[in-house]
Protein backbone atom coordinates (compact mmCIF):
# COMPACT_ATOMS: atom_id res chain seq x y z
CA MET A 1 -0.07 0.27 -0.28
CA ASN A 2 1.40 2.95 -1.03
CA VAL A 3 0.52 6.38 1.15
CA ASN A 4 0.96 10.08 0.49
CA VAL A 5 -0.48 12.66 2.97
CA GLU A 6 -0.96 16.51 1.48
CA GLU A 7 -1.52 19.34 3.99
CA THR A 8 -4.61 21.01 2.97
CA GLY A 9 -4.86 23.45 5.86
CA PRO A 10 -4.17 24.49 9.19
CA VAL A 11 -5.55 21.05 10.82
CA GLU A 12 -6.53 19.04 7.81
CA ARG A 13 -4.91 16.43 5.88
CA ARG A 14 -5.57 14.63 2.58
CA LEU A 15 -4.68 10.92 1.80
CA HIS A 16 -3.99 9.51 -1.08
CA ILE A 17 -3.99 5.72 -1.29
CA GLU A 18 -3.03 2.78 -3.55
CA ILE A 19 -3.78 -0.46 -2.72
CA PRO A 20 -1.50 -2.53 -5.05
CA THR A 21 -3.46 -5.34 -7.85
CA THR A 22 -2.40 -7.98 -5.76
CA GLU A 23 -4.13 -7.13 -2.67
CA VAL A 24 -7.57 -6.16 -4.95
CA ASP A 25 -7.23 -9.70 -6.59
CA ALA A 26 -6.89 -11.38 -3.11
CA ALA A 27 -9.95 -9.53 -2.28
CA PHE A 28 -12.03 -10.42 -5.36
CA ASP A 29 -10.99 -14.10 -4.87
CA SER A 30 -12.16 -14.03 -1.17
CA PHE A 31 -15.86 -12.69 -2.17
CA PHE A 32 -16.35 -14.78 -5.13
CA ARG A 33 -15.17 -17.85 -2.63
CA GLU A 34 -17.89 -16.53 0.08
CA VAL A 35 -20.34 -16.32 -2.98
CA ARG A 36 -19.76 -19.80 -4.42
CA ARG A 37 -20.04 -21.36 -0.88
CA ASN A 38 -23.37 -19.95 -0.61
CA ALA A 39 -25.42 -18.96 -3.86
CA HIS A 40 -27.44 -21.31 -5.55
CA ILE A 41 -27.52 -21.15 -9.84
CA ARG A 42 -29.50 -23.34 -11.85
CA GLY A 43 -27.30 -26.12 -13.32
CA PHE A 44 -24.66 -26.09 -11.05
CA ARG A 45 -24.01 -28.01 -7.63
CA PRO A 46 -23.91 -26.02 -4.54
CA GLY A 47 -20.10 -24.59 -4.16
CA LYS A 48 -19.36 -25.90 -7.64
CA ALA A 49 -20.11 -22.65 -10.45
CA PRO A 50 -17.23 -21.30 -11.77
CA ARG A 51 -15.63 -17.89 -11.48
CA GLU A 52 -17.02 -16.67 -14.69
CA VAL A 53 -20.50 -17.44 -14.28
CA LEU A 54 -20.46 -15.64 -10.59
CA GLN A 55 -18.87 -12.79 -11.94
CA GLN A 56 -21.78 -12.27 -14.54
CA GLN A 57 -24.30 -12.77 -11.94
CA PHE A 58 -22.80 -11.07 -8.68
CA GLY A 59 -20.28 -8.79 -10.57
CA GLU A 60 -21.64 -5.46 -9.99
CA ARG A 61 -22.24 -6.52 -6.31
CA ALA A 62 -18.57 -7.89 -6.22
CA SER A 63 -17.52 -4.29 -7.04
CA GLY A 64 -19.14 -2.31 -4.29
CA GLU A 65 -18.40 -5.07 -1.34
CA VAL A 66 -14.61 -5.24 -2.14
CA LEU A 67 -14.46 -1.43 -2.50
CA GLN A 68 -15.51 -1.18 1.14
CA ARG A 69 -13.69 -3.90 2.18
CA LEU A 70 -10.23 -2.28 0.62
CA VAL A 71 -11.29 0.81 2.17
CA GLU A 72 -11.92 -0.54 5.86
CA GLY A 73 -8.86 -2.62 5.81
CA SER A 74 -6.68 0.10 4.46
CA LEU A 75 -7.92 3.80 5.52
CA PHE A 76 -6.80 3.49 9.53
CA ARG A 77 -3.62 1.44 8.66
CA ALA A 78 -2.62 4.26 6.48
CA ILE A 79 -3.82 6.68 9.49
CA GLU A 80 -1.74 4.71 11.72
CA ASP A 81 1.11 4.59 9.11
CA ALA A 82 1.17 8.38 8.53
CA HIS A 83 1.17 9.20 12.06
CA LEU A 84 -1.80 11.30 12.01
CA ASP A 85 -3.63 12.17 15.33
CA VAL A 86 -7.13 12.31 13.50
CA LEU A 87 -10.53 14.13 15.03
CA GLY A 88 -13.72 13.41 14.15
CA GLU A 89 -14.76 10.76 10.96
CA PRO A 90 -12.71 10.48 7.67
CA ARG A 91 -14.16 12.08 4.49
CA LEU A 92 -14.24 9.71 1.72
CA ASP A 93 -13.50 9.87 -1.74
CA ALA A 94 -13.96 6.46 -2.72
CA GLY A 95 -13.67 6.44 -6.46
CA GLU A 96 -14.41 3.38 -8.39
CA LEU A 97 -13.51 -0.25 -8.34
CA ARG A 98 -14.87 -2.15 -11.86
CA LYS A 99 -12.71 -5.20 -11.99
CA PRO A 100 -10.03 -7.42 -10.27
CA GLY A 101 -6.30 -6.84 -12.39
CA ALA A 102 -5.98 -3.02 -11.64
CA GLN A 103 -4.84 -1.35 -8.89
CA TYR A 104 -7.07 0.76 -6.39
CA ALA A 105 -6.51 4.60 -5.25
CA TYR A 106 -8.91 6.74 -3.19
CA LYS A 107 -8.87 9.81 -0.98
CA ALA A 108 -9.80 10.71 2.39
CA SER A 109 -9.95 13.72 4.42
CA VAL A 110 -8.74 13.66 7.61
CA ASP A 111 -8.76 16.43 10.44
CA VAL A 112 -6.08 16.27 12.99
CA ARG A 113 -5.57 17.26 15.97
CA PRO A 114 -4.15 20.95 16.14
CA ALA A 115 -0.10 22.00 17.59
CA ILE A 116 -1.29 23.47 20.43
CA GLU A 117 1.32 25.71 22.43
CA VAL A 118 0.00 26.70 25.55
CA ALA A 119 0.85 30.56 25.95
CA ALA A 120 -0.88 31.61 29.31
CA VAL A 121 -3.37 29.96 31.99
CA THR A 122 -2.50 32.25 35.37
CA GLY A 123 -3.00 35.48 35.48
CA LEU A 124 -5.99 36.34 33.07
CA ALA A 125 -7.48 39.46 32.83
CA LEU A 126 -11.38 38.93 34.16
CA LYS A 127 -14.03 41.50 35.49
CA ARG A 128 -15.98 40.49 38.36
CA ALA A 129 -19.33 39.12 37.26
CA VAL A 130 -22.16 40.66 38.65
CA VAL A 131 -25.51 39.33 38.64
CA PRO A 132 -28.10 42.28 37.89
CA THR A 133 -30.48 43.01 41.14
CA PRO A 134 -34.51 41.95 40.30
CA GLU A 135 -36.22 45.13 40.75
CA LYS A 136 -39.44 43.31 42.64
CA ASP A 137 -37.89 40.90 45.84
CA PRO A 138 -37.71 37.91 44.39
CA VAL A 139 -39.09 36.67 47.68
CA GLU A 140 -42.08 38.20 47.51
CA ALA A 141 -42.61 37.65 43.80
CA HIS A 142 -42.10 33.79 44.06
CA LEU A 143 -44.79 33.90 47.31
CA GLU A 144 -47.27 36.07 44.63
CA ASP A 145 -46.67 33.12 42.09
CA MET A 146 -47.58 30.55 44.48
CA ARG A 147 -50.70 32.55 45.33
CA GLN A 148 -51.78 32.83 41.62
CA ARG A 149 -51.31 29.04 41.39
CA GLN A 150 -53.52 28.51 44.44
CA ALA A 151 -56.09 30.96 43.57
CA GLN A 152 -59.87 29.64 43.29
CA LEU A 153 -62.31 30.85 40.46
CA VAL A 154 -65.37 32.04 42.79
CA GLU A 155 -68.55 34.06 40.85
CA ALA A 156 -68.08 37.53 40.62
CA GLU A 157 -70.74 39.90 42.48
CA SER A 158 -74.09 40.36 40.61
CA GLY A 159 -74.20 43.47 38.57
CA VAL A 160 -70.38 44.05 38.56
CA ALA A 161 -69.03 44.52 34.49
CA ALA A 162 -66.19 42.46 33.02
CA ALA A 163 -63.02 44.05 33.86
CA ALA A 164 -59.39 42.87 33.42
CA GLY A 165 -58.52 40.29 35.72
CA HIS A 166 -62.01 38.81 35.56
CA VAL A 167 -62.53 35.24 33.72
CA ALA A 168 -65.26 35.78 31.43
CA VAL A 169 -67.60 32.37 30.67
CA ILE A 170 -69.26 32.86 27.34
CA ASN A 171 -71.14 31.03 24.50
CA TYR A 172 -70.04 32.57 21.04
CA VAL A 173 -70.50 31.97 17.36
CA GLY A 174 -68.27 33.23 14.68
CA LYS A 175 -69.49 33.55 10.93
CA LEU A 176 -67.80 34.37 7.67
CA GLU A 177 -70.02 35.68 4.89
CA GLY A 178 -73.06 34.87 7.67
CA GLU A 179 -72.11 30.90 7.48
CA PRO A 180 -70.85 29.33 10.90
CA PHE A 181 -67.50 27.76 10.07
CA ALA A 182 -65.71 24.45 11.42
CA GLY A 183 -64.89 25.42 15.21
CA SER A 184 -66.19 28.61 15.10
CA SER A 185 -68.57 28.26 18.08
CA ALA A 186 -68.27 26.96 21.78
CA LYS A 187 -70.38 26.83 25.27
CA GLU A 188 -69.02 27.96 28.01
CA SER A 189 -65.93 29.06 27.02
CA GLN A 190 -63.46 30.74 29.44
CA ILE A 191 -61.21 33.56 28.61
CA GLU A 192 -59.04 35.73 31.19
CA LEU A 193 -59.32 39.00 30.36
CA GLY A 194 -56.25 41.05 30.12
CA ALA A 195 -54.21 38.17 29.75
CA GLY A 196 -53.83 38.98 25.96
CA ARG A 197 -54.34 35.18 24.73
CA THR A 198 -56.87 36.18 22.38
CA PHE A 199 -56.44 37.48 18.42
CA GLY A 200 -57.81 40.75 17.69
CA GLY A 201 -58.81 42.24 20.92
CA PHE A 202 -61.07 39.58 20.60
CA GLU A 203 -61.21 39.88 24.56
CA ASP A 204 -61.69 43.78 24.71
CA GLN A 205 -64.86 43.33 23.16
CA LEU A 206 -66.21 41.51 26.23
CA LEU A 207 -65.16 44.70 28.82
CA GLY A 208 -67.91 46.36 30.58
CA LEU A 209 -70.14 43.34 29.66
CA ARG A 210 -72.38 42.01 32.35
CA VAL A 211 -73.87 38.49 33.10
CA GLY A 212 -76.63 37.85 30.62
CA ASP A 213 -75.70 40.54 28.05
CA GLU A 214 -75.38 39.71 24.38
CA HIS A 215 -72.52 41.56 21.79
CA ALA A 216 -71.83 41.25 17.99
CA PHE A 217 -68.99 42.25 16.50
CA GLU A 218 -66.29 42.38 13.21
CA LEU A 219 -62.73 41.15 13.67
CA THR A 220 -60.56 40.64 11.19
CA MET A 221 -58.68 37.43 11.56
CA PRO A 222 -54.86 37.07 11.81
CA GLU A 223 -52.67 36.63 8.42
CA ASP A 224 -50.96 33.42 10.32
CA HIS A 225 -53.94 32.43 11.32
CA ALA A 226 -53.71 28.18 11.27
CA ASP A 227 -56.71 28.07 8.94
CA GLU A 228 -55.82 29.59 5.42
CA LYS A 229 -59.54 29.86 4.59
CA LEU A 230 -59.91 32.65 7.51
CA ARG A 231 -56.76 34.45 7.00
CA GLY A 232 -57.17 38.50 6.79
CA LYS A 233 -60.82 37.77 6.87
CA SER A 234 -63.51 39.84 8.43
CA VAL A 235 -65.56 37.21 10.73
CA ARG A 236 -68.66 38.12 12.61
CA PHE A 237 -68.95 36.87 16.46
CA GLU A 238 -71.89 36.89 18.17
CA LEU A 239 -71.73 35.91 21.66
CA LYS A 240 -72.97 36.04 25.23
CA LEU A 241 -71.76 36.52 28.81
CA VAL A 242 -73.24 33.69 30.76
CA ALA A 243 -70.79 34.01 33.78
CA LEU A 244 -68.18 35.69 35.14
CA LYS A 245 -65.88 34.67 37.85
CA ARG A 246 -62.80 36.51 39.47
CA ARG A 247 -59.33 34.55 41.07
CA GLU A 248 -59.63 34.69 45.08
CA LEU A 249 -56.50 34.93 46.29
CA PRO A 250 -55.59 32.55 49.66
CA GLN A 251 -54.20 34.82 52.74
CA LEU A 252 -50.38 34.61 52.91
CA ASP A 253 -50.39 33.12 56.37
CA ASP A 254 -49.14 30.20 58.16
CA GLU A 255 -52.07 27.80 56.52
CA PHE A 256 -51.28 28.77 53.16
CA ALA A 257 -47.31 27.78 53.93
CA LYS A 258 -48.68 24.45 55.14
CA ASP A 259 -50.56 23.93 51.99
CA VAL A 260 -47.93 24.77 49.38
CA SER A 261 -44.76 23.26 51.43
CA SER A 262 -43.55 20.72 53.98
CA PHE A 263 -42.90 23.94 56.42
CA GLU A 264 -45.12 24.78 59.59
CA THR A 265 -45.25 28.79 59.30
CA LEU A 266 -44.74 30.75 56.66
CA GLY A 267 -41.40 32.00 57.83
CA GLU A 268 -39.98 28.79 57.57
CA LEU A 269 -40.96 29.30 54.02
CA ARG A 270 -39.53 32.56 53.36
CA ALA A 271 -36.01 31.65 54.95
CA ASP A 272 -36.27 28.65 52.68
CA LEU A 273 -36.88 30.55 49.29
CA GLU A 274 -34.26 33.22 50.50
CA ARG A 275 -31.80 30.24 50.79
CA ARG A 276 -32.73 29.02 47.60
CA ILE A 277 -32.49 32.29 45.54
CA ARG A 278 -29.16 33.26 47.54
CA GLU A 279 -27.62 29.98 46.16
CA GLY A 280 -29.24 30.43 42.74
CA ARG A 281 -27.67 33.76 42.65
CA ALA A 282 -24.26 32.17 43.73
CA ALA A 283 -24.46 29.75 41.36
CA GLU A 284 -25.11 31.97 38.61
CA GLN A 285 -22.40 34.53 39.18
CA LYS A 286 -19.91 31.09 39.25
CA ARG A 287 -21.78 30.30 35.88
CA LEU A 288 -20.37 33.69 34.58
CA GLU A 289 -17.31 34.00 35.57
CA ARG A 290 -16.30 30.44 34.49
CA GLU A 291 -17.77 31.33 30.98
CA GLY A 292 -15.91 35.09 31.45
CA LEU A 293 -12.74 32.80 32.15
CA ILE A 294 -13.32 30.05 29.13
CA GLU A 295 -13.13 33.22 26.77
CA ALA A 296 -10.26 35.09 27.88
CA LEU A 297 -8.27 31.19 28.31
CA VAL A 298 -9.34 30.43 24.41
CA ALA A 299 -8.44 34.23 23.68
CA ALA A 300 -4.72 34.03 25.50
CA ASN A 301 -3.99 30.56 23.70
CA PRO A 302 -4.89 30.85 19.73
CA PHE A 303 -5.31 27.70 17.89
CA PRO A 304 -6.80 26.60 14.77
CA ILE A 305 -9.47 24.20 14.99
CA PRO A 306 -11.07 21.97 12.63
CA PRO A 307 -14.49 23.26 10.90
CA ALA A 308 -15.82 19.76 10.63
CA LEU A 309 -15.41 19.09 14.30
CA VAL A 310 -17.19 21.90 15.08
CA GLU A 311 -20.13 21.38 12.46
CA ALA A 312 -20.66 17.53 13.71
CA GLN A 313 -20.80 18.92 17.54
CA LEU A 314 -23.26 21.67 16.06
CA ARG A 315 -25.71 18.86 14.79
CA GLN A 316 -25.44 16.76 18.17
CA ARG A 317 -26.54 20.12 20.00
CA ILE A 318 -29.59 20.67 17.64
CA GLN A 319 -30.77 17.60 17.43
CA ARG A 320 -31.13 17.32 21.27
CA MET A 321 -32.64 20.34 21.09
CA LEU A 322 -35.55 19.08 18.93
CA THR A 323 -35.93 15.72 20.28
CA GLN A 324 -36.49 18.01 23.81
CA LEU A 325 -38.95 19.62 21.54
CA GLY A 326 -40.85 16.20 22.31
CA GLY A 327 -40.96 14.99 18.65
CA ALA A 328 -43.49 17.97 17.83
CA LYS A 329 -44.15 18.36 14.20
CA LEU A 330 -43.09 21.40 12.93
CA ASP A 331 -43.66 22.73 9.46
CA ARG A 332 -40.93 22.44 7.02
CA GLU A 333 -41.44 26.41 6.63
CA VAL A 334 -41.20 26.69 10.48
CA LEU A 335 -38.23 24.15 11.11
CA GLY A 336 -35.68 25.31 8.50
CA PRO A 337 -35.56 28.92 9.66
CA LEU A 338 -35.75 27.74 13.65
CA ILE A 339 -32.35 25.33 12.82
CA GLU A 340 -30.69 28.21 10.98
CA ARG A 341 -31.43 30.15 13.55
CA TRP A 342 -30.07 27.85 16.35
CA ARG A 343 -27.06 27.71 14.28
CA VAL A 344 -25.94 31.20 14.11
CA GLU A 345 -26.41 31.79 17.96
CA LEU A 346 -24.98 28.25 19.16
CA ARG A 347 -21.86 28.33 16.76
CA PRO A 348 -19.64 30.65 18.97
CA GLN A 349 -20.56 28.64 22.21
CA VAL A 350 -19.73 25.41 20.31
CA GLU A 351 -16.57 26.89 18.94
CA ARG A 352 -15.60 27.48 22.52
CA GLU A 353 -16.45 24.19 24.08
CA VAL A 354 -14.48 22.74 21.00
CA LYS A 355 -10.88 25.08 21.97
CA LEU A 356 -12.04 24.50 25.74
CA ALA A 357 -11.64 20.28 24.90
CA LEU A 358 -8.36 20.40 22.99
CA LEU A 359 -7.05 22.53 25.45
CA ALA A 360 -7.89 21.59 28.51
CA PRO A 361 -5.35 18.49 28.60
CA GLU A 362 -2.53 20.13 27.36
CA ILE A 363 -2.88 23.04 30.36
CA ALA A 364 -3.33 20.37 32.39
CA LYS A 365 -0.45 18.47 31.49
CA ARG A 366 1.70 21.38 32.05
CA GLU A 367 -0.17 22.16 35.16
CA LYS A 368 0.19 18.30 36.49
CA LEU A 369 -3.28 18.52 36.83
CA ALA A 370 -4.83 14.74 36.98
CA VAL A 371 -8.06 13.35 37.93
CA GLY A 372 -7.65 10.54 40.15
CA ASP A 373 -9.91 7.38 39.96
CA GLU A 374 -11.23 8.11 43.19
CA GLU A 375 -12.46 11.40 41.56
CA ILE A 376 -14.17 9.32 39.37
CA ASP A 377 -15.71 6.87 41.69
CA ALA A 378 -16.90 10.56 43.35
CA GLN A 379 -18.86 11.69 39.78
CA LEU A 380 -20.11 8.27 39.68
CA ALA A 381 -21.70 8.34 42.47
CA ARG A 382 -22.75 12.12 42.26
CA ILE A 383 -24.79 11.28 38.88
CA ALA A 384 -26.51 7.72 40.43
CA GLU A 385 -27.52 9.93 43.28
CA ALA A 386 -29.14 12.80 40.79
CA SER A 387 -30.68 10.13 38.59
CA GLN A 388 -31.74 7.95 41.72
CA ARG A 389 -30.24 4.17 40.52
CA LYS A 390 -27.63 2.13 42.33
CA LEU A 391 -23.94 3.01 41.81
CA SER A 392 -23.07 -0.57 40.78
CA GLU A 393 -25.79 0.21 37.73
CA VAL A 394 -24.01 3.37 36.60
CA LYS A 395 -20.57 2.44 36.76
CA ARG A 396 -21.29 -0.78 34.43
CA GLU A 397 -23.17 1.03 32.21
CA TYR A 398 -20.30 3.94 31.32
CA ARG A 399 -17.63 1.13 31.44
CA GLU A 400 -19.99 -0.83 28.90
CA HIS A 401 -20.56 2.26 26.98
CA GLY A 402 -17.10 2.82 26.64
CA LEU A 403 -18.24 6.64 28.91
CA ILE A 404 -15.12 6.65 31.60
CA ASP A 405 -12.39 8.49 29.22
CA ALA A 406 -15.46 10.91 28.36
CA LEU A 407 -16.25 11.66 31.82
CA ARG A 408 -12.31 11.94 33.05
CA ALA A 409 -12.11 14.90 30.14
CA GLY A 410 -15.00 16.48 31.51
CA LEU A 411 -13.36 16.66 35.06
CA VAL A 412 -9.95 17.33 33.55
CA GLU A 413 -11.84 20.58 32.05
CA GLU A 414 -13.78 21.84 35.21
CA LYS A 415 -10.07 21.33 37.08
CA VAL A 416 -8.17 23.29 34.42
CA VAL A 417 -11.21 26.23 34.68
CA GLU A 418 -10.94 26.00 38.34
CA PHE A 419 -7.15 26.27 38.34
CA ALA A 420 -7.26 29.33 35.75
CA LEU A 421 -9.95 31.17 37.47
CA ALA A 422 -8.08 30.82 40.97
CA ALA A 423 -5.38 32.25 39.41
CA ALA A 424 -6.87 35.01 37.61
CA ASN A 425 -6.55 38.56 38.12
CA VAL A 426 -10.19 39.78 38.97
CA SER A 427 -11.28 43.73 39.09
CA GLU A 428 -14.21 44.86 40.30
CA GLY A 429 -16.62 45.92 37.60
């Protein structure tokens, strides 16, 4: 096998691989021996069909399978012989393999690990991260949100006019050119006035009505309405206000605390909320400082990264986000722009993550930051506790799926970031 390596970029190499005729012929011979053993060809006993007949019937299949075998048997050997530290999957230009008796040549492009010279790790300039102070007391806001979720709907006082904050119960029908249409009517439909959940100012038409009042009005349907036949059309709605309700909020007292939590008093509930908010703000500040440190670290130690590696990570991230949507079927018109927006928004973050993943091991080597087996075990224990699974089960899963190295790499990254953050030059504001 003859291998030539061409440098096509700072972190890309193209391999030109030539496989001699002897290996090509041996691969074809092996293929046809296998076919001869298993093929049932009219006029010949099993295993006795001549090569010429086999070539006539299986020649096209032979070319495809032999090509695959030759590539699989030579590519990684060629990479090893060329002493390339490859990142990601090779990209093949397999060419054609028509028949035995000829040399086979193909090309493969690979991304290689960049040469990284660690220039600066300690003394990086950072500004102290500041978590914005909320306009409203977060404890009081949280308690108010809990009260709203516990609110009961009760009948409004007799004769009261509908106003923002009320829940109107209506019977209605919509008519397009004088005729009702599919989905245009409902009985005892509830609409929260002032919530802005209806289109075209529908709920505004209910303001001032009293129970028993009837009202008719025209509305122009939105241009993006789900029903194409209604887009931009004028629809006449006829409705009757059959009931009016208001939200009755519970008292903020010890009984409320018992209803919504495991605490006996409102004071205990407040103290717990204050603690969680304080811890949340501290965690957010640490996250911001960590992000700032990573940006400073990769900026102080520049090196080229393989574009294909970034693209692969970007695709994985977007796929996870689509999965998190619950497998919802989105229209292609919606999905396309959404994915493109994600690609633009996520790219800088993914590039930083790829750079950190490549840079961290080099820093760890220079600064002698190692992750021991006991740290791996501790992390697996945390994973088991968080997922409420047995530690032995989690360990077995990580070992069987080859995830220990990835887990170790993540811990190395964390150790490097913590080391650089502790040694950073942090200024206020």
